[in-house]
PDB file of N, CA and C in Angstrom:
ATOM      1  N   MET A   1      31.851 -30.879 -47.945  1.00  0.00           N
ATOM      2  CA  MET A   1      30.527 -30.565 -47.468  1.00  0.00           C
ATOM      3  C   MET A   1      29.521 -30.865 -48.578  1.00  0.00           C
ATOM      4  N   CYS A   2      28.483 -31.598 -48.220  1.00  0.00           N
ATOM      5  CA  CYS A   2      27.445 -31.955 -49.197  1.00  0.00           C
ATOM      6  C   CYS A   2      26.207 -31.102 -48.931  1.00  0.00           C
ATOM      7  N   LEU A   3      25.856 -30.296 -49.901  1.00  0.00           N
ATOM      8  CA  LEU A   3      24.653 -29.480 -49.803  1.00  0.00           C
ATOM      9  C   LEU A   3      23.672 -29.957 -50.848  1.00  0.00           C
ATOM     10  N   SER A   4      22.391 -29.753 -50.573  1.00  0.00           N
ATOM     11  CA  SER A   4      21.358 -30.257 -51.476  1.00  0.00           C
ATOM     12  C   SER A   4      20.411 -29.158 -51.910  1.00  0.00           C
ATOM     13  N   THR A   5      19.656 -29.464 -52.941  1.00  0.00           N
ATOM     14  CA  THR A   5      18.546 -28.639 -53.387  1.00  0.00           C
ATOM     15  C   THR A   5      17.278 -29.416 -53.090  1.00  0.00           C
ATOM     16  N   ALA A   6      16.287 -28.733 -52.512  1.00  0.00           N
ATOM     17  CA  ALA A   6      15.022 -29.381 -52.159  1.00  0.00           C
ATOM     18  C   ALA A   6      13.932 -28.968 -53.143  1.00  0.00           C
ATOM     19  N   TYR A   7      13.157 -29.948 -53.563  1.00  0.00           N
ATOM     20  CA  TYR A   7      12.097 -29.755 -54.547  1.00  0.00           C
ATOM     21  C   TYR A   7      10.760 -30.192 -53.955  1.00  0.00           C
ATOM     22  N   LEU A   8       9.685 -29.617 -54.454  1.00  0.00           N
ATOM     23  CA  LEU A   8       8.340 -29.992 -54.032  1.00  0.00           C
ATOM     24  C   LEU A   8       7.715 -30.912 -55.077  1.00  0.00           C
ATOM     25  N   ASN A   9       7.471 -32.137 -54.708  1.00  0.00           N
ATOM     26  CA  ASN A   9       6.798 -33.176 -55.500  1.00  0.00           C
ATOM     27  C   ASN A   9       7.605 -33.786 -56.645  1.00  0.00           C
ATOM     28  N   GLU A  10       8.437 -33.002 -57.331  1.00  0.00           N
ATOM     29  CA  GLU A  10       9.247 -33.555 -58.402  1.00  0.00           C
ATOM     30  C   GLU A  10      10.468 -32.675 -58.644  1.00  0.00           C
ATOM     31  N   LYS A  11      11.506 -33.283 -59.189  1.00  0.00           N
ATOM     32  CA  LYS A  11      12.757 -32.567 -59.432  1.00  0.00           C
ATOM     33  C   LYS A  11      12.667 -31.789 -60.741  1.00  0.00           C
ATOM     34  N   LYS A  12      12.210 -30.534 -60.610  1.00  0.00           N
ATOM     35  CA  LYS A  12      12.112 -29.610 -61.746  1.00  0.00           C
ATOM     36  C   LYS A  12      12.530 -28.223 -61.253  1.00  0.00           C
ATOM     37  N   GLU A  13      13.101 -27.447 -62.113  1.00  0.00           N
ATOM     38  CA  GLU A  13      13.591 -26.106 -61.746  1.00  0.00           C
ATOM     39  C   GLU A  13      12.505 -25.253 -61.095  1.00  0.00           C
ATOM     40  N   ASP A  14      11.275 -25.340 -61.571  1.00  0.00           N
ATOM     41  CA  ASP A  14      10.212 -24.483 -61.024  1.00  0.00           C
ATOM     42  C   ASP A  14       9.571 -25.030 -59.742  1.00  0.00           C
ATOM     43  N   THR A  15      10.081 -26.147 -59.212  1.00  0.00           N
ATOM     44  CA  THR A  15       9.545 -26.685 -57.963  1.00  0.00           C
ATOM     45  C   THR A  15      10.549 -26.595 -56.810  1.00  0.00           C
ATOM     46  N   ILE A  16      11.626 -25.842 -56.994  1.00  0.00           N
ATOM     47  CA  ILE A  16      12.639 -25.694 -55.945  1.00  0.00           C
ATOM     48  C   ILE A  16      12.050 -24.913 -54.775  1.00  0.00           C
ATOM     49  N   VAL A  17      12.225 -25.462 -53.559  1.00  0.00           N
ATOM     50  CA  VAL A  17      11.770 -24.765 -52.354  1.00  0.00           C
ATOM     51  C   VAL A  17      12.935 -24.259 -51.520  1.00  0.00           C
ATOM     52  N   ALA A  18      14.119 -24.852 -51.679  1.00  0.00           N
ATOM     53  CA  ALA A  18      15.296 -24.395 -50.938  1.00  0.00           C
ATOM     54  C   ALA A  18      16.566 -24.865 -51.640  1.00  0.00           C
ATOM     55  N   ARG A  19      17.575 -24.015 -51.595  1.00  0.00           N
ATOM     56  CA  ARG A  19      18.894 -24.348 -52.156  1.00  0.00           C
ATOM     57  C   ARG A  19      19.921 -24.378 -51.025  1.00  0.00           C
ATOM     58  N   TYR A  20      21.037 -25.031 -51.263  1.00  0.00           N
ATOM     59  CA  TYR A  20      22.146 -25.101 -50.305  1.00  0.00           C
ATOM     60  C   TYR A  20      21.700 -25.657 -48.952  1.00  0.00           C
ATOM     61  N   VAL A  21      20.843 -26.680 -49.002  1.00  0.00           N
ATOM     62  CA  VAL A  21      20.308 -27.299 -47.784  1.00  0.00           C
ATOM     63  C   VAL A  21      21.405 -28.123 -47.108  1.00  0.00           C
ATOM     64  N   ALA A  22      21.624 -27.816 -45.827  1.00  0.00           N
ATOM     65  CA  ALA A  22      22.638 -28.511 -45.046  1.00  0.00           C
ATOM     66  C   ALA A  22      22.019 -29.474 -44.034  1.00  0.00           C
ATOM     67  N   GLN A  23      20.744 -29.230 -43.660  1.00  0.00           N
ATOM     68  CA  GLN A  23      20.106 -30.051 -42.634  1.00  0.00           C
ATOM     69  C   GLN A  23      18.620 -30.219 -42.937  1.00  0.00           C
ATOM     70  N   VAL A  24      18.108 -31.423 -42.690  1.00  0.00           N
ATOM     71  CA  VAL A  24      16.690 -31.724 -42.898  1.00  0.00           C
ATOM     72  C   VAL A  24      16.143 -32.344 -41.614  1.00  0.00           C
ATOM     73  N   LYS A  25      15.036 -31.808 -41.123  1.00  0.00           N
ATOM     74  CA  LYS A  25      14.352 -32.356 -39.952  1.00  0.00           C
ATOM     75  C   LYS A  25      12.904 -32.640 -40.323  1.00  0.00           C
ATOM     76  N   CYS A  26      12.362 -33.727 -39.798  1.00  0.00           N
ATOM     77  CA  CYS A  26      10.957 -34.084 -40.037  1.00  0.00           C
ATOM     78  C   CYS A  26      10.255 -34.254 -38.695  1.00  0.00           C
ATOM     79  N   ALA A  27       9.119 -33.587 -38.538  1.00  0.00           N
ATOM     80  CA  ALA A  27       8.335 -33.727 -37.314  1.00  0.00           C
ATOM     81  C   ALA A  27       6.932 -33.186 -37.539  1.00  0.00           C
ATOM     82  N   ASP A  28       5.958 -33.854 -36.966  1.00  0.00           N
ATOM     83  CA  ASP A  28       4.571 -33.383 -36.959  1.00  0.00           C
ATOM     84  C   ASP A  28       4.035 -33.063 -38.353  1.00  0.00           C
ATOM     85  N   GLY A  29       4.375 -33.896 -39.337  1.00  0.00           N
ATOM     86  CA  GLY A  29       3.863 -33.713 -40.682  1.00  0.00           C
ATOM     87  C   GLY A  29       4.519 -32.586 -41.458  1.00  0.00           C
ATOM     88  N   LYS A  30       5.679 -32.125 -40.977  1.00  0.00           N
ATOM     89  CA  LYS A  30       6.394 -31.040 -41.638  1.00  0.00           C
ATOM     90  C   LYS A  30       7.840 -31.446 -41.892  1.00  0.00           C
ATOM     91  N   VAL A  31       8.407 -30.855 -42.932  1.00  0.00           N
ATOM     92  CA  VAL A  31       9.824 -31.011 -43.228  1.00  0.00           C
ATOM     93  C   VAL A  31      10.450 -29.630 -43.081  1.00  0.00           C
ATOM     94  N   VAL A  32      11.470 -29.537 -42.236  1.00  0.00           N
ATOM     95  CA  VAL A  32      12.152 -28.267 -42.021  1.00  0.00           C
ATOM     96  C   VAL A  32      13.544 -28.374 -42.634  1.00  0.00           C
ATOM     97  N   LEU A  33      13.810 -27.489 -43.590  1.00  0.00           N
ATOM     98  CA  LEU A  33      15.077 -27.463 -44.305  1.00  0.00           C
ATOM     99  C   LEU A  33      15.884 -26.268 -43.816  1.00  0.00           C
ATOM    100  N   SER A  34      17.132 -26.495 -43.436  1.00  0.00           N
ATOM    101  CA  SER A  34      18.016 -25.405 -43.021  1.00  0.00           C
ATOM    102  C   SER A  34      19.142 -25.277 -44.030  1.00  0.00           C
ATOM    103  N   ASP A  35      19.338 -24.056 -44.535  1.00  0.00           N
ATOM    104  CA  ASP A  35      20.399 -23.877 -45.513  1.00  0.00           C
ATOM    105  C   ASP A  35      21.735 -23.611 -44.821  1.00  0.00           C
ATOM    106  N   ILE A  36      22.760 -23.398 -45.609  1.00  0.00           N
ATOM    107  CA  ILE A  36      24.123 -23.281 -45.094  1.00  0.00           C
ATOM    108  C   ILE A  36      24.311 -22.102 -44.136  1.00  0.00           C
ATOM    109  N   ILE A  37      23.471 -21.063 -44.250  1.00  0.00           N
ATOM    110  CA  ILE A  37      23.607 -19.938 -43.327  1.00  0.00           C
ATOM    111  C   ILE A  37      22.549 -19.957 -42.221  1.00  0.00           C
ATOM    112  N   GLY A  38      21.778 -21.045 -42.148  1.00  0.00           N
ATOM    113  CA  GLY A  38      20.829 -21.220 -41.061  1.00  0.00           C
ATOM    114  C   GLY A  38      19.409 -20.772 -41.332  1.00  0.00           C
ATOM    115  N   VAL A  39      19.114 -20.316 -42.544  1.00  0.00           N
ATOM    116  CA  VAL A  39      17.744 -19.919 -42.876  1.00  0.00           C
ATOM    117  C   VAL A  39      16.893 -21.179 -43.021  1.00  0.00           C
ATOM    118  N   GLU A  40      15.762 -21.205 -42.321  1.00  0.00           N
ATOM    119  CA  GLU A  40      14.892 -22.380 -42.345  1.00  0.00           C
ATOM    120  C   GLU A  40      13.694 -22.171 -43.273  1.00  0.00           C
ATOM    121  N   THR A  41      13.353 -23.245 -43.985  1.00  0.00           N
ATOM    122  CA  THR A  41      12.158 -23.294 -44.822  1.00  0.00           C
ATOM    123  C   THR A  41      11.335 -24.475 -44.342  1.00  0.00           C
ATOM    124  N   GLU A  42      10.070 -24.235 -44.034  1.00  0.00           N
ATOM    125  CA  GLU A  42       9.188 -25.286 -43.524  1.00  0.00           C
ATOM    126  C   GLU A  42       8.152 -25.648 -44.586  1.00  0.00           C
ATOM    127  N   VAL A  43       8.005 -26.945 -44.832  1.00  0.00           N
ATOM    128  CA  VAL A  43       7.056 -27.435 -45.830  1.00  0.00           C
ATOM    129  C   VAL A  43       6.165 -28.481 -45.176  1.00  0.00           C
ATOM    130  N   VAL A  44       4.855 -28.367 -45.351  1.00  0.00           N
ATOM    131  CA  VAL A  44       3.935 -29.382 -44.853  1.00  0.00           C
ATOM    132  C   VAL A  44       3.980 -30.544 -45.841  1.00  0.00           C
ATOM    133  N   GLY A  45       4.404 -31.700 -45.352  1.00  0.00           N
ATOM    134  CA  GLY A  45       4.531 -32.869 -46.211  1.00  0.00           C
ATOM    135  C   GLY A  45       5.492 -33.870 -45.612  1.00  0.00           C
ATOM    136  N   SER A  46       6.026 -34.728 -46.462  1.00  0.00           N
ATOM    137  CA  SER A  46       6.945 -35.768 -46.011  1.00  0.00           C
ATOM    138  C   SER A  46       8.025 -35.989 -47.074  1.00  0.00           C
ATOM    139  N   ILE A  47       9.101 -36.596 -46.647  1.00  0.00           N
ATOM    140  CA  ILE A  47      10.194 -36.894 -47.572  1.00  0.00           C
ATOM    141  C   ILE A  47       9.734 -37.972 -48.549  1.00  0.00           C
ATOM    142  N   SER A  48       9.911 -37.704 -49.820  1.00  0.00           N
ATOM    143  CA  SER A  48       9.591 -38.669 -50.860  1.00  0.00           C
ATOM    144  C   SER A  48      10.850 -39.394 -51.325  1.00  0.00           C
ATOM    145  N   PHE A  49      11.965 -38.628 -51.439  1.00  0.00           N
ATOM    146  CA  PHE A  49      13.185 -39.177 -52.021  1.00  0.00           C
ATOM    147  C   PHE A  49      14.364 -38.311 -51.612  1.00  0.00           C
ATOM    148  N   ILE A  50      15.471 -38.955 -51.270  1.00  0.00           N
ATOM    149  CA  ILE A  50      16.717 -38.235 -51.002  1.00  0.00           C
ATOM    150  C   ILE A  50      17.840 -38.924 -51.758  1.00  0.00           C
ATOM    151  N   ASP A  51      18.600 -38.141 -52.512  1.00  0.00           N
ATOM    152  CA  ASP A  51      19.792 -38.619 -53.207  1.00  0.00           C
ATOM    153  C   ASP A  51      20.964 -37.825 -52.641  1.00  0.00           C
ATOM    154  N   LEU A  52      21.680 -38.403 -51.694  1.00  0.00           N
ATOM    155  CA  LEU A  52      22.770 -37.689 -51.044  1.00  0.00           C
ATOM    156  C   LEU A  52      23.930 -37.432 -51.995  1.00  0.00           C
ATOM    157  N   GLU A  53      24.218 -38.377 -52.837  1.00  0.00           N
ATOM    158  CA  GLU A  53      25.307 -38.204 -53.796  1.00  0.00           C
ATOM    159  C   GLU A  53      24.973 -37.126 -54.831  1.00  0.00           C
ATOM    160  N   GLY A  54      23.713 -37.071 -55.231  1.00  0.00           N
ATOM    161  CA  GLY A  54      23.284 -36.099 -56.232  1.00  0.00           C
ATOM    162  C   GLY A  54      22.810 -34.781 -55.651  1.00  0.00           C
ATOM    163  N   GLY A  55      22.757 -34.677 -54.324  1.00  0.00           N
ATOM    164  CA  GLY A  55      22.355 -33.433 -53.684  1.00  0.00           C
ATOM    165  C   GLY A  55      20.905 -33.060 -53.928  1.00  0.00           C
ATOM    166  N   THR A  56      20.014 -34.047 -53.832  1.00  0.00           N
ATOM    167  CA  THR A  56      18.596 -33.830 -54.125  1.00  0.00           C
ATOM    168  C   THR A  56      17.716 -34.309 -52.974  1.00  0.00           C
ATOM    169  N   VAL A  57      16.756 -33.477 -52.602  1.00  0.00           N
ATOM    170  CA  VAL A  57      15.722 -33.848 -51.635  1.00  0.00           C
ATOM    171  C   VAL A  57      14.389 -33.548 -52.303  1.00  0.00           C
ATOM    172  N   VAL A  58      13.489 -34.527 -52.376  1.00  0.00           N
ATOM    173  CA  VAL A  58      12.158 -34.317 -52.924  1.00  0.00           C
ATOM    174  C   VAL A  58      11.150 -34.505 -51.803  1.00  0.00           C
ATOM    175  N   ILE A  59      10.306 -33.502 -51.626  1.00  0.00           N
ATOM    176  CA  ILE A  59       9.295 -33.515 -50.581  1.00  0.00           C
ATOM    177  C   ILE A  59       7.920 -33.672 -51.216  1.00  0.00           C
ATOM    178  N   LYS A  60       7.167 -34.638 -50.708  1.00  0.00           N
ATOM    179  CA  LYS A  60       5.788 -34.831 -51.172  1.00  0.00           C
ATOM    180  C   LYS A  60       4.893 -33.915 -50.332  1.00  0.00           C
ATOM    181  N   ALA A  61       4.269 -32.967 -50.995  1.00  0.00           N
ATOM    182  CA  ALA A  61       3.411 -32.004 -50.289  1.00  0.00           C
ATOM    183  C   ALA A  61       2.110 -32.664 -49.875  1.00  0.00           C
ATOM    184  N   ASP A  62       1.669 -32.364 -48.663  1.00  0.00           N
ATOM    185  CA  ASP A  62       0.362 -32.825 -48.220  1.00  0.00           C
ATOM    186  C   ASP A  62      -0.679 -31.862 -48.762  1.00  0.00           C
ATOM    187  N   VAL A  63      -1.701 -32.406 -49.399  1.00  0.00           N
ATOM    188  CA  VAL A  63      -2.764 -31.583 -49.952  1.00  0.00           C
ATOM    189  C   VAL A  63      -4.014 -31.840 -49.117  1.00  0.00           C
ATOM    190  N   ALA A  64      -4.522 -30.776 -48.521  1.00  0.00           N
ATOM    191  CA  ALA A  64      -5.703 -30.926 -47.662  1.00  0.00           C
ATOM    192  C   ALA A  64      -6.960 -30.583 -48.409  1.00  0.00           C
TER     193      ALA A  64
END
């Protein structure tokens, strides 16, 4: 099982928005991350980068 850590804008410890991410959905300008136990985290933005082998998801936040 491959789980990921999701970061906001850049891969740094203080920008983590979700850990143990098992599923990523994108719709209507939002990224919805679901962790291994089903807890969802919603971020307004878009996918910037995904490294499946390294378990990394970087989300570019939309700034209004």
